[in-house]
Protein backbone atom coordinates (compact mmCIF):
# COMPACT_ATOMS: atom_id res chain seq x y z
CA MET A 1 28.95 4.67 -3.40
CA PRO A 2 28.20 3.25 0.04
CA GLN A 3 28.71 -0.49 0.51
CA THR A 4 27.37 -1.01 4.04
CA THR A 5 24.37 0.16 6.05
CA HIS A 6 26.62 2.38 8.15
CA GLU A 7 28.19 4.02 5.07
CA PHE A 8 24.76 4.45 3.49
CA THR A 9 23.32 6.14 6.58
CA LYS A 10 26.30 8.48 6.76
CA VAL A 11 25.93 9.55 3.12
CA TRP A 12 22.12 9.70 3.41
CA LYS A 13 22.16 12.01 6.43
CA ARG A 14 25.28 14.10 5.87
CA GLN A 15 25.65 14.50 2.12
CA CYS A 16 22.11 14.31 0.77
CA LYS A 17 20.35 17.44 1.94
CA THR A 18 17.35 17.46 -0.39
CA GLU A 19 14.81 14.86 -1.45
CA LEU A 20 16.14 15.07 -5.00
CA GLU A 21 19.68 14.30 -3.83
CA LYS A 22 18.36 11.32 -1.87
CA TYR A 23 16.36 10.18 -4.90
CA GLN A 24 19.47 10.38 -7.07
CA LEU A 25 21.42 8.37 -4.48
CA LEU A 26 18.77 5.64 -4.48
CA LEU A 27 18.75 5.51 -8.29
CA GLY A 28 22.55 5.58 -8.39
CA ILE A 29 22.90 2.64 -6.03
CA GLY A 30 20.06 0.80 -7.75
CA GLY A 31 17.89 -2.05 -6.59
CA GLN A 32 20.58 -4.73 -6.39
CA GLY A 33 22.98 -2.39 -4.58
CA LEU A 34 20.33 -1.47 -2.02
CA ARG A 35 19.46 -5.12 -1.53
CA THR A 36 23.12 -5.85 -0.81
CA ILE A 37 23.46 -2.90 1.59
CA PHE A 38 20.27 -3.82 3.47
CA LYS A 39 20.74 -7.59 3.20
CA ALA A 40 20.20 -8.15 6.93
CA GLU A 41 17.35 -5.64 7.25
CA ILE A 42 16.27 -2.19 6.19
CA SER A 43 17.29 0.17 8.97
CA MET A 44 14.57 1.64 11.14
CA GLY A 45 12.69 4.37 9.33
CA HIS A 46 14.52 4.05 6.02
CA LEU A 47 11.80 2.11 4.18
CA GLY A 48 9.15 4.73 4.87
CA GLU A 49 11.49 7.53 3.92
CA PHE A 50 12.47 5.71 0.71
CA LEU A 51 8.81 5.35 -0.25
CA VAL A 52 8.10 9.04 0.37
CA ILE A 53 11.14 10.17 -1.61
CA LEU A 54 10.51 7.79 -4.50
CA HIS A 55 6.91 9.05 -4.67
CA ASN A 56 7.74 12.74 -4.38
CA CYS A 57 10.59 12.67 -6.92
CA LEU A 58 9.38 10.00 -9.35
CA ASP A 59 10.15 10.86 -12.95
CA GLU A 60 8.39 8.77 -15.60
CA LYS A 61 11.72 7.89 -17.23
CA ASP A 62 12.81 6.28 -13.92
CA THR A 63 9.78 3.98 -13.61
CA ASN A 64 11.72 0.78 -14.28
CA LYS A 65 14.57 1.76 -11.93
CA VAL A 66 12.12 2.60 -9.13
CA PHE A 67 10.26 -0.67 -9.68
CA GLU A 68 13.57 -2.55 -9.44
CA ILE A 69 14.46 -0.71 -6.21
CA LEU A 70 11.11 -1.59 -4.66
CA GLN A 71 11.36 -5.18 -5.86
CA GLN A 72 14.86 -5.69 -4.47
CA LEU A 73 14.04 -4.03 -1.13
CA SER A 74 11.10 -6.44 -0.76
CA ARG A 75 13.61 -9.30 -0.96
CA THR A 76 15.69 -8.17 2.01
CA ASN A 77 15.61 -10.10 5.27
CA ARG A 78 13.01 -8.98 7.77
CA PHE A 79 11.19 -6.93 5.11
CA ASP A 80 7.84 -7.88 6.66
CA LEU A 81 9.00 -6.37 9.95
CA SER A 82 9.99 -3.13 8.20
CA LEU A 83 6.49 -2.96 6.68
CA LYS A 84 4.91 -3.24 10.11
CA PHE A 85 6.75 -0.11 11.22
CA LEU A 86 5.49 2.06 8.37
CA ALA A 87 3.41 5.00 9.55
CA LYS A 88 -0.11 5.35 8.19
CA GLU A 89 0.98 8.34 6.08
CA GLU A 90 3.84 6.30 4.61
CA LYS A 91 1.41 3.55 3.61
CA VAL A 92 -0.80 6.13 1.89
CA VAL A 93 2.22 7.49 0.02
CA ALA A 94 3.27 3.94 -0.93
CA SER A 95 -0.18 3.31 -2.36
CA LYS A 96 0.07 6.52 -4.42
CA LEU A 97 3.56 5.52 -5.57
CA PHE A 98 2.35 2.16 -6.89
CA LYS A 99 -0.61 3.84 -8.63
CA GLN A 100 1.79 6.29 -10.28
CA LEU A 101 4.11 3.48 -11.40
CA GLU A 102 1.12 1.71 -12.92
CA ALA A 103 -0.05 4.91 -14.63
CA ASN A 104 3.45 5.46 -16.02
CA ILE A 105 3.49 1.96 -17.50
CA CYS A 106 0.10 2.57 -19.10
CA GLY A 107 1.08 6.08 -20.23
CA SER A 108 1.28 7.18 -23.81
CA GLU A 109 5.09 7.20 -23.94
CA SER A 110 5.28 3.48 -23.16
CA GLU A 111 2.74 2.71 -25.91
CA ASP A 112 5.39 3.41 -28.52
CA ARG A 113 7.90 0.99 -27.01
CA GLU A 114 5.83 -1.87 -25.71
CA SER A 115 3.08 -4.06 -27.00
CA GLU A 116 -0.24 -4.20 -25.17
CA GLY A 117 0.68 -7.65 -23.83
CA GLU A 118 3.97 -6.42 -22.39
CA ARG A 119 2.25 -3.47 -20.70
CA LYS A 120 -0.33 -5.80 -19.18
CA VAL A 121 2.40 -8.06 -17.79
CA ASN A 122 4.26 -5.05 -16.37
CA VAL A 123 1.09 -3.69 -14.75
CA GLU A 124 0.45 -7.10 -13.20
CA LEU A 125 4.02 -7.15 -11.85
CA ILE A 126 3.53 -3.71 -10.28
CA GLN A 127 0.20 -4.79 -8.76
CA GLU A 128 1.79 -7.96 -7.37
CA LEU A 129 4.64 -5.95 -5.83
CA GLY A 130 2.07 -3.53 -4.42
CA ARG A 131 0.39 -6.46 -2.69
CA THR A 132 3.78 -7.47 -1.28
CA TYR A 133 3.99 -3.97 0.18
CA GLY A 134 0.44 -4.33 1.45
CA VAL A 135 -0.84 -1.26 -0.37
CA THR A 136 -2.91 -2.67 -3.23
CA GLY A 137 -5.75 -5.11 -3.19
CA ARG A 138 -6.38 -7.81 -5.70
CA SER A 139 -6.44 -6.69 -9.29
CA ASP A 140 -9.81 -6.26 -11.01
């Protein structure tokens, strides 16, 4: 597993040829690992690409892992600057990603494991993180 931005970029570009391989790398490193790698800042273009890949490959069973990745990335230095460089299409994809995460939390599978109160809290956390990413408005 890569430990630095340079190592990450090397693995990302040379070893991960498909979106699914990149998705698996992101999940494998996890939110805390990515936060450590991108402590100083998220390299140019990576944030948008991460959002697209997480959206395109999202599996309902990975909802919590993806949420954690997004949460930890939002805590990196200069995150606000990385957001400013997102392309319009990437912002649209990010919005869809947060809607899908919310739908997954509210989905029937989660009903068996969580109480209504827990689901509501989790939805609110996703909405709050979406606002951090600038892709969701205030909750209704």
